[in-house]
Amino acid sequence: MKLNFSKIDENWMANFKGGEKGLLAKMFSDEQNKIIRARLIAGATVGEHAHEDGSEIIFALSGEATATTDGVEERLAAGDCHYCPKGHRHFLKNDGPEDFEFFAVVVRQ
Protein backbone atom coordinates (compact mmCIF):
# COMPACT_ATOMS: atom_id res chain seq x y z
CA MET A 1 0.00 0.00 0.00
CA LYS A 2 1.42 3.35 -1.04
CA LEU A 3 0.95 6.38 1.21
CA ASN A 4 1.37 9.74 -0.52
CA PHE A 5 1.97 12.27 2.25
CA SER A 6 1.75 15.15 -0.24
CA LYS A 7 -1.98 14.32 -0.52
CA ILE A 8 -2.64 13.98 3.23
CA ASP A 9 -3.87 17.12 5.02
CA GLU A 10 -1.48 18.65 7.53
CA ASN A 11 -3.15 19.28 10.90
CA TRP A 12 -2.07 21.57 13.73
CA MET A 13 -1.91 19.67 17.01
CA ALA A 14 -1.61 22.12 19.90
CA ASN A 15 -0.05 20.95 23.17
CA PHE A 16 0.37 17.41 21.82
CA LYS A 17 0.33 14.83 24.64
CA GLY A 18 0.33 17.75 27.10
CA GLY A 19 3.42 19.35 25.60
CA GLU A 20 4.20 23.02 24.92
CA LYS A 21 3.25 24.84 21.71
CA GLY A 22 2.51 22.21 19.06
CA LEU A 23 3.29 20.34 15.90
CA LEU A 24 2.03 20.02 12.34
CA ALA A 25 1.31 16.44 11.32
CA LYS A 26 0.19 14.38 8.35
CA MET A 27 -1.09 11.07 9.64
CA PHE A 28 -2.31 7.71 8.39
CA SER A 29 -3.90 5.44 10.96
CA ASP A 30 -5.44 1.98 11.00
CA GLU A 31 -6.06 -0.70 13.65
CA GLN A 32 -2.39 -1.67 13.81
CA ASN A 33 -0.28 1.46 13.20
CA LYS A 34 -0.08 5.21 13.07
CA ILE A 35 2.29 6.48 10.38
CA ILE A 36 3.13 10.15 10.79
CA ARG A 37 5.18 12.82 9.06
CA ALA A 38 5.46 15.81 11.39
CA ARG A 39 7.15 19.11 12.15
CA LEU A 40 7.67 20.01 15.79
CA ILE A 41 8.07 23.79 15.81
CA ALA A 42 11.07 25.46 17.45
CA GLY A 43 10.67 25.52 21.23
CA ALA A 44 7.81 22.98 21.22
CA THR A 45 7.56 19.69 23.08
CA VAL A 46 5.62 16.47 22.82
CA GLY A 47 4.57 15.79 26.40
CA GLU A 48 5.76 12.75 28.31
CA HIS A 49 3.60 9.71 27.64
CA ALA A 50 3.73 5.94 27.94
CA HIS A 51 3.54 3.37 25.15
CA GLU A 52 1.52 0.68 26.90
CA ASP A 53 0.09 -1.00 23.79
CA GLY A 54 3.09 -0.92 21.45
CA SER A 55 6.29 0.85 20.49
CA GLU A 56 7.18 4.06 18.64
CA ILE A 57 9.96 4.69 16.14
CA ILE A 58 10.94 8.28 15.25
CA PHE A 59 13.29 8.92 12.32
CA ALA A 60 14.75 12.45 12.23
CA LEU A 61 14.57 14.16 8.83
CA SER A 62 15.84 17.68 9.64
CA GLY A 63 16.49 20.00 12.57
CA GLU A 64 17.48 18.92 16.06
CA ALA A 65 15.65 17.75 19.17
CA THR A 66 16.17 15.93 22.45
CA ALA A 67 14.32 12.67 23.10
CA THR A 68 14.08 11.50 26.70
CA THR A 69 13.14 7.88 27.39
CA ASP A 70 12.74 6.72 30.99
CA GLY A 71 14.85 9.72 32.10
CA VAL A 72 17.71 9.14 29.61
CA GLU A 73 18.31 12.02 27.15
CA GLU A 74 19.47 11.51 23.57
CA ARG A 75 20.27 14.22 21.04
CA LEU A 76 18.60 13.71 17.64
CA ALA A 77 19.60 15.17 14.27
CA ALA A 78 18.88 14.27 10.65
CA GLY A 79 19.47 10.56 10.06
CA ASP A 80 19.08 9.53 13.71
CA CYS A 81 16.40 7.09 14.83
CA HIS A 82 14.77 7.15 18.27
CA TYR A 83 13.00 4.04 19.59
CA CYS A 84 10.59 3.89 22.54
CA PRO A 85 9.78 0.25 23.33
CA LYS A 86 6.40 -0.99 24.52
CA GLY A 87 5.95 -0.33 28.24
CA HIS A 88 8.27 2.69 28.37
CA ARG A 89 7.77 6.47 28.63
CA HIS A 90 9.27 9.22 26.53
CA PHE A 91 8.97 12.85 25.44
CA LEU A 92 10.45 15.02 22.72
CA LYS A 93 11.72 18.61 22.88
CA ASN A 94 12.70 20.76 19.93
CA ASP A 95 15.43 22.82 21.53
CA GLY A 96 16.97 23.77 18.20
CA PRO A 97 16.50 27.02 16.24
CA GLU A 98 14.36 25.50 13.44
CA ASP A 99 11.50 23.04 13.06
CA PHE A 100 12.34 19.41 13.84
CA GLU A 101 10.95 17.28 11.02
CA PHE A 102 10.47 13.58 11.57
CA PHE A 103 8.77 10.44 10.38
CA ALA A 104 7.18 8.26 13.08
CA VAL A 105 5.55 4.86 13.29
CA VAL A 106 3.47 3.96 16.34
CA VAL A 107 2.86 0.21 16.45
CA ARG A 108 -0.23 -1.06 18.23
CA GLN A 109 -0.03 -4.66 19.44
PDB file of N, CA and C in Angstrom:
ATOM      1  N   MET A   1       0.840  -1.175   0.000  1.00  0.00           N
ATOM      2  CA  MET A   1       0.000   0.000   0.000  1.00  0.00           C
ATOM      3  C   MET A   1       0.886   1.238   0.000  1.00  0.00           C
ATOM      4  N   LYS A   2       0.649   2.117  -0.941  1.00  0.00           N
ATOM      5  CA  LYS A   2       1.421   3.353  -1.036  1.00  0.00           C
ATOM      6  C   LYS A   2       0.707   4.466  -0.276  1.00  0.00           C
ATOM      7  N   LEU A   3       1.469   5.204   0.524  1.00  0.00           N
ATOM      8  CA  LEU A   3       0.948   6.381   1.211  1.00  0.00           C
ATOM      9  C   LEU A   3       1.619   7.602   0.604  1.00  0.00           C
ATOM     10  N   ASN A   4       0.836   8.522   0.079  1.00  0.00           N
ATOM     11  CA  ASN A   4       1.366   9.740  -0.525  1.00  0.00           C
ATOM     12  C   ASN A   4       1.115  10.893   0.446  1.00  0.00           C
ATOM     13  N   PHE A   5       2.132  11.241   1.233  1.00  0.00           N
ATOM     14  CA  PHE A   5       1.969  12.267   2.248  1.00  0.00           C
ATOM     15  C   PHE A   5       1.710  13.643   1.657  1.00  0.00           C
ATOM     16  N   SER A   6       2.045  13.854   0.379  1.00  0.00           N
ATOM     17  CA  SER A   6       1.748  15.146  -0.243  1.00  0.00           C
ATOM     18  C   SER A   6       0.244  15.328  -0.439  1.00  0.00           C
ATOM     19  N   LYS A   7      -0.526  14.245  -0.356  1.00  0.00           N
ATOM     20  CA  LYS A   7      -1.977  14.319  -0.516  1.00  0.00           C
ATOM     21  C   LYS A   7      -2.734  14.183   0.805  1.00  0.00           C
ATOM     22  N   ILE A   8      -2.007  14.077   1.909  1.00  0.00           N
ATOM     23  CA  ILE A   8      -2.640  13.983   3.232  1.00  0.00           C
ATOM     24  C   ILE A   8      -2.624  15.369   3.862  1.00  0.00           C
ATOM     25  N   ASP A   9      -3.772  15.804   4.385  1.00  0.00           N
ATOM     26  CA  ASP A   9      -3.866  17.118   5.023  1.00  0.00           C
ATOM     27  C   ASP A   9      -2.941  17.205   6.229  1.00  0.00           C
ATOM     28  N   GLU A  10      -2.321  18.382   6.380  1.00  0.00           N
ATOM     29  CA  GLU A  10      -1.475  18.647   7.530  1.00  0.00           C
ATOM     30  C   GLU A  10      -2.334  19.317   8.598  1.00  0.00           C
ATOM     31  N   ASN A  11      -2.324  18.767   9.800  1.00  0.00           N
ATOM     32  CA  ASN A  11      -3.146  19.281  10.898  1.00  0.00           C
ATOM     33  C   ASN A  11      -2.284  19.839  12.018  1.00  0.00           C
ATOM     34  N   TRP A  12      -2.719  20.972  12.572  1.00  0.00           N
ATOM     35  CA  TRP A  12      -2.067  21.574  13.728  1.00  0.00           C
ATOM     36  C   TRP A  12      -2.537  20.840  14.976  1.00  0.00           C
ATOM     37  N   MET A  13      -1.587  20.386  15.782  1.00  0.00           N
ATOM     38  CA  MET A  13      -1.912  19.670  17.012  1.00  0.00           C
ATOM     39  C   MET A  13      -1.288  20.440  18.176  1.00  0.00           C
ATOM     40  N   ALA A  14      -2.085  21.287  18.797  1.00  0.00           N
ATOM     41  CA  ALA A  14      -1.611  22.119  19.901  1.00  0.00           C
ATOM     42  C   ALA A  14      -1.390  21.268  21.149  1.00  0.00           C
ATOM     43  N   ASN A  15      -0.336  21.590  21.877  1.00  0.00           N
ATOM     44  CA  ASN A  15      -0.049  20.952  23.166  1.00  0.00           C
ATOM     45  C   ASN A  15      -0.155  19.431  23.092  1.00  0.00           C
ATOM     46  N   PHE A  16       0.475  18.847  22.075  1.00  0.00           N
ATOM     47  CA  PHE A  16       0.375  17.412  21.815  1.00  0.00           C
ATOM     48  C   PHE A  16       0.868  16.594  23.006  1.00  0.00           C
ATOM     49  N   LYS A  17       0.046  15.685  23.483  1.00  0.00           N
ATOM     50  CA  LYS A  17       0.326  14.831  24.643  1.00  0.00           C
ATOM     51  C   LYS A  17       0.658  15.661  25.879  1.00  0.00           C
ATOM     52  N   GLY A  18       0.092  16.867  25.961  1.00  0.00           N
ATOM     53  CA  GLY A  18       0.334  17.750  27.100  1.00  0.00           C
ATOM     54  C   GLY A  18       1.594  18.582  26.978  1.00  0.00           C
ATOM     55  N   GLY A  19       2.194  18.597  25.814  1.00  0.00           N
ATOM     56  CA  GLY A  19       3.424  19.354  25.596  1.00  0.00           C
ATOM     57  C   GLY A  19       3.177  20.839  25.399  1.00  0.00           C
ATOM     58  N   GLU A  20       4.257  21.574  25.132  1.00  0.00           N
ATOM     59  CA  GLU A  20       4.196  23.017  24.916  1.00  0.00           C
ATOM     60  C   GLU A  20       4.122  23.310  23.424  1.00  0.00           C
ATOM     61  N   LYS A  21       3.443  24.391  23.088  1.00  0.00           N
ATOM     62  CA  LYS A  21       3.252  24.840  21.706  1.00  0.00           C
ATOM     63  C   LYS A  21       2.565  23.744  20.911  1.00  0.00           C
ATOM     64  N   GLY A  22       3.190  23.235  19.839  1.00  0.00           N
ATOM     65  CA  GLY A  22       2.513  22.208  19.062  1.00  0.00           C
ATOM     66  C   GLY A  22       3.317  21.725  17.882  1.00  0.00           C
ATOM     67  N   LEU A  23       2.648  20.887  17.090  1.00  0.00           N
ATOM     68  CA  LEU A  23       3.290  20.343  15.903  1.00  0.00           C
ATOM     69  C   LEU A  23       2.287  20.281  14.765  1.00  0.00           C
ATOM     70  N   LEU A  24       2.823  20.209  13.549  1.00  0.00           N
ATOM     71  CA  LEU A  24       2.032  20.017  12.343  1.00  0.00           C
ATOM     72  C   LEU A  24       2.257  18.589  11.896  1.00  0.00           C
ATOM     73  N   ALA A  25       1.166  17.862  11.633  1.00  0.00           N
ATOM     74  CA  ALA A  25       1.315  16.443  11.321  1.00  0.00           C
ATOM     75  C   ALA A  25       0.408  16.008  10.184  1.00  0.00           C
ATOM     76  N   LYS A  26       0.944  15.117   9.364  1.00  0.00           N
ATOM     77  CA  LYS A  26       0.193  14.384   8.354  1.00  0.00           C
ATOM     78  C   LYS A  26       0.184  12.946   8.840  1.00  0.00           C
ATOM     79  N   MET A  27      -1.017  12.368   8.975  1.00  0.00           N
ATOM     80  CA  MET A  27      -1.091  11.067   9.644  1.00  0.00           C
ATOM     81  C   MET A  27      -1.991  10.086   8.898  1.00  0.00           C
ATOM     82  N   PHE A  28      -1.502   8.846   8.829  1.00  0.00           N
ATOM     83  CA  PHE A  28      -2.306   7.713   8.388  1.00  0.00           C
ATOM     84  C   PHE A  28      -2.455   6.798   9.593  1.00  0.00           C
ATOM     85  N   SER A  29      -3.674   6.298   9.814  1.00  0.00           N
ATOM     86  CA  SER A  29      -3.902   5.441  10.964  1.00  0.00           C
ATOM     87  C   SER A  29      -4.843   4.306  10.600  1.00  0.00           C
ATOM     88  N   ASP A  30      -4.534   3.115  11.111  1.00  0.00           N
ATOM     89  CA  ASP A  30      -5.443   1.976  11.005  1.00  0.00           C
ATOM     90  C   ASP A  30      -5.429   1.240  12.338  1.00  0.00           C
ATOM     91  N   GLU A  31      -5.970   0.027  12.383  1.00  0.00           N
ATOM     92  CA  GLU A  31      -6.064  -0.700  13.650  1.00  0.00           C
ATOM     93  C   GLU A  31      -4.699  -1.098  14.209  1.00  0.00           C
ATOM     94  N   GLN A  32      -3.683  -1.150  13.379  1.00  0.00           N
ATOM     95  CA  GLN A  32      -2.391  -1.671  13.814  1.00  0.00           C
ATOM     96  C   GLN A  32      -1.295  -0.628  13.961  1.00  0.00           C
ATOM     97  N   ASN A  33      -1.370   0.480  13.208  1.00  0.00           N
ATOM     98  CA  ASN A  33      -0.279   1.457  13.197  1.00  0.00           C
ATOM     99  C   ASN A  33      -0.777   2.876  12.994  1.00  0.00           C
ATOM    100  N   LYS A  34       0.035   3.808  13.462  1.00  0.00           N
ATOM    101  CA  LYS A  34      -0.078   5.208  13.070  1.00  0.00           C
ATOM    102  C   LYS A  34       1.221   5.520  12.341  1.00  0.00           C
ATOM    103  N   ILE A  35       1.113   6.099  11.164  1.00  0.00           N
ATOM    104  CA  ILE A  35       2.289   6.483  10.384  1.00  0.00           C
ATOM    105  C   ILE A  35       2.190   7.991  10.196  1.00  0.00           C
ATOM    106  N   ILE A  36       3.215   8.697  10.652  1.00  0.00           N
ATOM    107  CA  ILE A  36       3.127  10.152  10.785  1.00  0.00           C
ATOM    108  C   ILE A  36       4.350  10.832  10.186  1.00  0.00           C
ATOM    109  N   ARG A  37       4.107  11.903   9.449  1.00  0.00           N
ATOM    110  CA  ARG A  37       5.176  12.820   9.064  1.00  0.00           C
ATOM    111  C   ARG A  37       4.845  14.134   9.747  1.00  0.00           C
ATOM    112  N   ALA A  38       5.778  14.651  10.555  1.00  0.00           N
ATOM    113  CA  ALA A  38       5.458  15.806  11.393  1.00  0.00           C
ATOM    114  C   ALA A  38       6.589  16.814  11.466  1.00  0.00           C
ATOM    115  N   ARG A  39       6.201  18.034  11.881  1.00  0.00           N
ATOM    116  CA  ARG A  39       7.147  19.114  12.150  1.00  0.00           C
ATOM    117  C   ARG A  39       6.845  19.656  13.535  1.00  0.00           C
ATOM    118  N   LEU A  40       7.771  19.460  14.438  1.00  0.00           N
ATOM    119  CA  LEU A  40       7.671  20.009  15.786  1.00  0.00           C
ATOM    120  C   LEU A  40       8.325  21.387  15.740  1.00  0.00           C
ATOM    121  N   ILE A  41       7.531  22.443  15.978  1.00  0.00           N
ATOM    122  CA  ILE A  41       8.067  23.789  15.805  1.00  0.00           C
ATOM    123  C   ILE A  41       9.130  24.093  16.854  1.00  0.00           C
ATOM    124  N   ALA A  42       9.986  25.074  16.538  1.00  0.00           N
ATOM    125  CA  ALA A  42      11.065  25.464  17.451  1.00  0.00           C
ATOM    126  C   ALA A  42      10.494  25.812  18.820  1.00  0.00           C
ATOM    127  N   GLY A  43      11.089  25.261  19.861  1.00  0.00           N
ATOM    128  CA  GLY A  43      10.669  25.517  21.232  1.00  0.00           C
ATOM    129  C   GLY A  43       9.504  24.669  21.715  1.00  0.00           C
ATOM    130  N   ALA A  44       8.973  23.814  20.850  1.00  0.00           N
ATOM    131  CA  ALA A  44       7.813  22.985  21.219  1.00  0.00           C
ATOM    132  C   ALA A  44       8.250  21.653  21.807  1.00  0.00           C
ATOM    133  N   THR A  45       7.318  21.016  22.518  1.00  0.00           N
ATOM    134  CA  THR A  45       7.564  19.691  23.078  1.00  0.00           C
ATOM    135  C   THR A  45       6.372  18.785  22.794  1.00  0.00           C
ATOM    136  N   VAL A  46       6.646  17.504  22.743  1.00  0.00           N
ATOM    137  CA  VAL A  46       5.617  16.467  22.820  1.00  0.00           C
ATOM    138  C   VAL A  46       5.675  16.004  24.258  1.00  0.00           C
ATOM    139  N   GLY A  47       4.578  16.110  24.979  1.00  0.00           N
ATOM    140  CA  GLY A  47       4.566  15.788  26.401  1.00  0.00           C
ATOM    141  C   GLY A  47       4.923  14.340  26.695  1.00  0.00           C
ATOM    142  N   GLU A  48       5.389  14.109  27.909  1.00  0.00           N
ATOM    143  CA  GLU A  48       5.757  12.750  28.315  1.00  0.00           C
ATOM    144  C   GLU A  48       4.524  11.852  28.298  1.00  0.00           C
ATOM    145  N   HIS A  49       4.693  10.680  27.718  1.00  0.00           N
ATOM    146  CA  HIS A  49       3.600   9.712  27.638  1.00  0.00           C
ATOM    147  C   HIS A  49       4.163   8.309  27.578  1.00  0.00           C
ATOM    148  N   ALA A  50       3.326   7.340  27.929  1.00  0.00           N
ATOM    149  CA  ALA A  50       3.727   5.936  27.941  1.00  0.00           C
ATOM    150  C   ALA A  50       3.218   5.234  26.688  1.00  0.00           C
ATOM    151  N   HIS A  51       3.958   4.234  26.257  1.00  0.00           N
ATOM    152  CA  HIS A  51       3.542   3.371  25.154  1.00  0.00           C
ATOM    153  C   HIS A  51       3.195   2.004  25.742  1.00  0.00           C
ATOM    154  N   GLU A  52       1.981   1.902  26.241  1.00  0.00           N
ATOM    155  CA  GLU A  52       1.517   0.680  26.903  1.00  0.00           C
ATOM    156  C   GLU A  52       1.131  -0.419  25.920  1.00  0.00           C
ATOM    157  N   ASP A  53       0.627  -0.018  24.749  1.00  0.00           N
ATOM    158  CA  ASP A  53       0.094  -0.997  23.792  1.00  0.00           C
ATOM    159  C   ASP A  53       1.048  -1.349  22.652  1.00  0.00           C
ATOM    160  N   GLY A  54       2.155  -0.662  22.538  1.00  0.00           N
ATOM    161  CA  GLY A  54       3.094  -0.917  21.448  1.00  0.00           C
ATOM    162  C   GLY A  54       4.258   0.049  21.525  1.00  0.00           C
ATOM    163  N   SER A  55       5.084   0.031  20.509  1.00  0.00           N
ATOM    164  CA  SER A  55       6.291   0.847  20.494  1.00  0.00           C
ATOM    165  C   SER A  55       6.138   2.040  19.554  1.00  0.00           C
ATOM    166  N   GLU A  56       7.134   2.944  19.581  1.00  0.00           N
ATOM    167  CA  GLU A  56       7.184   4.059  18.638  1.00  0.00           C
ATOM    168  C   GLU A  56       8.601   4.195  18.109  1.00  0.00           C
ATOM    169  N   ILE A  57       8.693   4.453  16.821  1.00  0.00           N
ATOM    170  CA  ILE A  57       9.961   4.693  16.144  1.00  0.00           C
ATOM    171  C   ILE A  57       9.879   6.085  15.541  1.00  0.00           C
ATOM    172  N   ILE A  58      10.876   6.925  15.807  1.00  0.00           N
ATOM    173  CA  ILE A  58      10.943   8.277  15.247  1.00  0.00           C
ATOM    174  C   ILE A  58      12.240   8.402  14.464  1.00  0.00           C
ATOM    175  N   PHE A  59      12.127   8.731  13.171  1.00  0.00           N
ATOM    176  CA  PHE A  59      13.290   8.924  12.315  1.00  0.00           C
ATOM    177  C   PHE A  59      13.406  10.412  12.012  1.00  0.00           C
ATOM    178  N   ALA A  60      14.528  11.017  12.411  1.00  0.00           N
ATOM    179  CA  ALA A  60      14.751  12.452  12.233  1.00  0.00           C
ATOM    180  C   ALA A  60      15.076  12.768  10.778  1.00  0.00           C
ATOM    181  N   LEU A  61      14.348  13.743  10.209  1.00  0.00           N
ATOM    182  CA  LEU A  61      14.570  14.164   8.827  1.00  0.00           C
ATOM    183  C   LEU A  61      15.385  15.449   8.743  1.00  0.00           C
ATOM    184  N   SER A  62      15.081  16.425   9.614  1.00  0.00           N
ATOM    185  CA  SER A  62      15.845  17.675   9.643  1.00  0.00           C
ATOM    186  C   SER A  62      15.635  18.368  10.980  1.00  0.00           C
ATOM    187  N   GLY A  63      16.526  19.303  11.294  1.00  0.00           N
ATOM    188  CA  GLY A  63      16.486  19.996  12.568  1.00  0.00           C
ATOM    189  C   GLY A  63      17.113  19.160  13.663  1.00  0.00           C
ATOM    190  N   GLU A  64      16.923  19.615  14.898  1.00  0.00           N
ATOM    191  CA  GLU A  64      17.481  18.922  16.060  1.00  0.00           C
ATOM    192  C   GLU A  64      16.463  18.896  17.184  1.00  0.00           C
ATOM    193  N   ALA A  65      16.546  17.872  18.019  1.00  0.00           N
ATOM    194  CA  ALA A  65      15.654  17.748  19.174  1.00  0.00           C
ATOM    195  C   ALA A  65      16.309  16.840  20.204  1.00  0.00           C
ATOM    196  N   THR A  66      15.744  16.838  21.394  1.00  0.00           N
ATOM    197  CA  THR A  66      16.172  15.929  22.452  1.00  0.00           C
ATOM    198  C   THR A  66      15.015  14.988  22.760  1.00  0.00           C
ATOM    199  N   ALA A  67      15.292  13.695  22.711  1.00  0.00           N
ATOM    200  CA  ALA A  67      14.323  12.672  23.101  1.00  0.00           C
ATOM    201  C   ALA A  67      14.747  12.147  24.465  1.00  0.00           C
ATOM    202  N   THR A  68      13.794  12.022  25.364  1.00  0.00           N
ATOM    203  CA  THR A  68      14.078  11.498  26.697  1.00  0.00           C
ATOM    204  C   THR A  68      13.197  10.277  26.928  1.00  0.00           C
ATOM    205  N   THR A  69      13.844   9.130  27.145  1.00  0.00           N
ATOM    206  CA  THR A  69      13.138   7.877  27.392  1.00  0.00           C
ATOM    207  C   THR A  69      13.516   7.369  28.776  1.00  0.00           C
ATOM    208  N   ASP A  70      12.509   7.202  29.627  1.00  0.00           N
ATOM    209  CA  ASP A  70      12.744   6.721  30.992  1.00  0.00           C
ATOM    210  C   ASP A  70      13.861   7.508  31.674  1.00  0.00           C
ATOM    211  N   GLY A  71      13.880   8.837  31.457  1.00  0.00           N
ATOM    212  CA  GLY A  71      14.848   9.715  32.100  1.00  0.00           C
ATOM    213  C   GLY A  71      16.195   9.836  31.407  1.00  0.00           C
ATOM    214  N   VAL A  72      16.429   9.099  30.320  1.00  0.00           N
ATOM    215  CA  VAL A  72      17.706   9.143  29.609  1.00  0.00           C
ATOM    216  C   VAL A  72      17.555  10.013  28.371  1.00  0.00           C
ATOM    217  N   GLU A  73      18.360  11.097  28.282  1.00  0.00           N
ATOM    218  CA  GLU A  73      18.307  12.019  27.155  1.00  0.00           C
ATOM    219  C   GLU A  73      19.196  11.556  26.009  1.00  0.00           C
ATOM    220  N   GLU A  74      18.689  11.781  24.788  1.00  0.00           N
ATOM    221  CA  GLU A  74      19.471  11.507  23.574  1.00  0.00           C
ATOM    222  C   GLU A  74      19.259  12.667  22.612  1.00  0.00           C
ATOM    223  N   ARG A  75      20.337  13.139  22.025  1.00  0.00           N
ATOM    224  CA  ARG A  75      20.268  14.220  21.041  1.00  0.00           C
ATOM    225  C   ARG A  75      19.960  13.618  19.682  1.00  0.00           C
ATOM    226  N   LEU A  76      18.978  14.191  18.961  1.00  0.00           N
ATOM    227  CA  LEU A  76      18.595  13.706  17.638  1.00  0.00           C
ATOM    228  C   LEU A  76      18.866  14.767  16.576  1.00  0.00           C
ATOM    229  N   ALA A  77      19.388  14.319  15.443  1.00  0.00           N
ATOM    230  CA  ALA A  77      19.604  15.166  14.269  1.00  0.00           C
ATOM    231  C   ALA A  77      19.267  14.324  13.041  1.00  0.00           C
ATOM    232  N   ALA A  78      19.243  14.955  11.886  1.00  0.00           N
ATOM    233  CA  ALA A  78      18.880  14.267  10.647  1.00  0.00           C
ATOM    234  C   ALA A  78      19.630  12.946  10.502  1.00  0.00           C
ATOM    235  N   GLY A  79      18.890  11.887  10.231  1.00  0.00           N
ATOM    236  CA  GLY A  79      19.470  10.558  10.064  1.00  0.00           C
ATOM    237  C   GLY A  79      19.436   9.693  11.307  1.00  0.00           C
ATOM    238  N   ASP A  80      19.152  10.304  12.469  1.00  0.00           N
ATOM    239  CA  ASP A  80      19.078   9.533  13.712  1.00  0.00           C
ATOM    240  C   ASP A  80      17.691   8.898  13.856  1.00  0.00           C
ATOM    241  N   CYS A  81      17.648   7.792  14.574  1.00  0.00           N
ATOM    242  CA  CYS A  81      16.397   7.088  14.827  1.00  0.00           C
ATOM    243  C   CYS A  81      16.244   6.903  16.337  1.00  0.00           C
ATOM    244  N   HIS A  82      15.100   7.316  16.854  1.00  0.00           N
ATOM    245  CA  HIS A  82      14.768   7.149  18.273  1.00  0.00           C
ATOM    246  C   HIS A  82      13.734   6.029  18.386  1.00  0.00           C
ATOM    247  N   TYR A  83      13.901   5.166  19.382  1.00  0.00           N
ATOM    248  CA  TYR A  83      12.998   4.042  19.588  1.00  0.00           C
ATOM    249  C   TYR A  83      12.505   4.058  21.025  1.00  0.00           C
ATOM    250  N   CYS A  84      11.195   4.026  21.204  1.00  0.00           N
ATOM    251  CA  CYS A  84      10.592   3.895  22.535  1.00  0.00           C
ATOM    252  C   CYS A  84       9.857   2.563  22.569  1.00  0.00           C
ATOM    253  N   PRO A  85      10.403   1.571  23.283  1.00  0.00           N
ATOM    254  CA  PRO A  85       9.777   0.250  23.327  1.00  0.00           C
ATOM    255  C   PRO A  85       8.448   0.249  24.079  1.00  0.00           C
ATOM    256  N   LYS A  86       7.662  -0.757  23.810  1.00  0.00           N
ATOM    257  CA  LYS A  86       6.402  -0.988  24.517  1.00  0.00           C
ATOM    258  C   LYS A  86       6.681  -1.016  26.025  1.00  0.00           C
ATOM    259  N   GLY A  87       5.814  -0.333  26.784  1.00  0.00           N
ATOM    260  CA  GLY A  87       5.946  -0.330  28.240  1.00  0.00           C
ATOM    261  C   GLY A  87       6.846   0.760  28.778  1.00  0.00           C
ATOM    262  N   HIS A  88       7.372   1.631  27.921  1.00  0.00           N
ATOM    263  CA  HIS A  88       8.274   2.695  28.365  1.00  0.00           C
ATOM    264  C   HIS A  88       7.644   4.060  28.123  1.00  0.00           C
ATOM    265  N   ARG A  89       8.251   5.088  28.731  1.00  0.00           N
ATOM    266  CA  ARG A  89       7.771   6.473  28.630  1.00  0.00           C
ATOM    267  C   ARG A  89       8.816   7.310  27.922  1.00  0.00           C
ATOM    268  N   HIS A  90       8.326   8.297  27.156  1.00  0.00           N
ATOM    269  CA  HIS A  90       9.266   9.222  26.528  1.00  0.00           C
ATOM    270  C   HIS A  90       8.600  10.558  26.253  1.00  0.00           C
ATOM    271  N   PHE A  91       9.445  11.566  25.938  1.00  0.00           N
ATOM    272  CA  PHE A  91       8.965  12.846  25.444  1.00  0.00           C
ATOM    273  C   PHE A  91      10.017  13.430  24.518  1.00  0.00           C
ATOM    274  N   LEU A  92       9.607  14.436  23.759  1.00  0.00           N
ATOM    275  CA  LEU A  92      10.451  15.018  22.720  1.00  0.00           C
ATOM    276  C   LEU A  92      10.441  16.529  22.879  1.00  0.00           C
ATOM    277  N   LYS A  93      11.615  17.157  22.771  1.00  0.00           N
ATOM    278  CA  LYS A  93      11.717  18.611  22.878  1.00  0.00           C
ATOM    279  C   LYS A  93      12.542  19.152  21.721  1.00  0.00           C
ATOM    280  N   ASN A  94      11.947  20.079  20.981  1.00  0.00           N
ATOM    281  CA  ASN A  94      12.699  20.764  19.931  1.00  0.00           C
ATOM    282  C   ASN A  94      13.395  21.950  20.576  1.00  0.00           C
ATOM    283  N   ASP A  95      14.649  21.757  20.921  1.00  0.00           N
ATOM    284  CA  ASP A  95      15.428  22.820  21.532  1.00  0.00           C
ATOM    285  C   ASP A  95      16.397  23.437  20.535  1.00  0.00           C
ATOM    286  N   GLY A  96      16.164  23.180  19.252  1.00  0.00           N
ATOM    287  CA  GLY A  96      16.975  23.772  18.197  1.00  0.00           C
ATOM    288  C   GLY A  96      16.321  25.041  17.659  1.00  0.00           C
ATOM    289  N   PRO A  97      17.013  25.741  16.752  1.00  0.00           N
ATOM    290  CA  PRO A  97      16.505  27.015  16.235  1.00  0.00           C
ATOM    291  C   PRO A  97      15.474  26.887  15.101  1.00  0.00           C
ATOM    292  N   GLU A  98      15.289  25.693  14.562  1.00  0.00           N
ATOM    293  CA  GLU A  98      14.359  25.497  13.442  1.00  0.00           C
ATOM    294  C   GLU A  98      13.416  24.339  13.743  1.00  0.00           C
ATOM    295  N   ASP A  99      12.426  24.154  12.885  1.00  0.00           N
ATOM    296  CA  ASP A  99      11.504  23.036  13.055  1.00  0.00           C
ATOM    297  C   ASP A  99      12.267  21.710  13.036  1.00  0.00           C
ATOM    298  N   PHE A 100      11.797  20.770  13.844  1.00  0.00           N
ATOM    299  CA  PHE A 100      12.336  19.411  13.841  1.00  0.00           C
ATOM    300  C   PHE A 100      11.354  18.568  13.044  1.00  0.00           C
ATOM    301  N   GLU A 101      11.794  18.094  11.882  1.00  0.00           N
ATOM    302  CA  GLU A 101      10.948  17.281  11.023  1.00  0.00           C
ATOM    303  C   GLU A 101      11.291  15.816  11.225  1.00  0.00           C
ATOM    304  N   PHE A 102      10.237  14.999  11.324  1.00  0.00           N
ATOM    305  CA  PHE A 102      10.467  13.582  11.571  1.00  0.00           C
ATOM    306  C   PHE A 102       9.364  12.730  10.965  1.00  0.00           C
ATOM    307  N   PHE A 103       9.691  11.472  10.833  1.00  0.00           N
ATOM    308  CA  PHE A 103       8.767  10.443  10.383  1.00  0.00           C
ATOM    309  C   PHE A 103       8.622   9.486  11.557  1.00  0.00           C
ATOM    310  N   ALA A 104       7.394   9.133  11.935  1.00  0.00           N
ATOM    311  CA  ALA A 104       7.185   8.265  13.084  1.00  0.00           C
ATOM    312  C   ALA A 104       6.215   7.138  12.750  1.00  0.00           C
ATOM    313  N   VAL A 105       6.456   5.996  13.373  1.00  0.00           N
ATOM    314  CA  VAL A 105       5.545   4.862  13.293  1.00  0.00           C
ATOM    315  C   VAL A 105       5.228   4.421  14.721  1.00  0.00           C
ATOM    316  N   VAL A 106       3.948   4.443  15.051  1.00  0.00           N
ATOM    317  CA  VAL A 106       3.473   3.957  16.343  1.00  0.00           C
ATOM    318  C   VAL A 106       2.795   2.615  16.088  1.00  0.00           C
ATOM    319  N   VAL A 107       3.368   1.570  16.666  1.00  0.00           N
ATOM    320  CA  VAL A 107       2.862   0.206  16.450  1.00  0.00           C
ATOM    321  C   VAL A 107       1.918  -0.152  17.592  1.00  0.00           C
ATOM    322  N   ARG A 108       0.737  -0.606  17.235  1.00  0.00           N
ATOM    323  CA  ARG A 108      -0.234  -1.062  18.230  1.00  0.00           C
ATOM    324  C   ARG A 108      -0.228  -2.588  18.220  1.00  0.00           C
ATOM    325  N   GLN A 109      -0.085  -3.192  19.375  1.00  0.00           N
ATOM    326  CA  GLN A 109      -0.033  -4.664  19.435  1.00  0.00           C
ATOM    327  C   GLN A 109      -1.224  -5.221  20.151  1.00  0.00           C
TER     328      GLN A 109
END
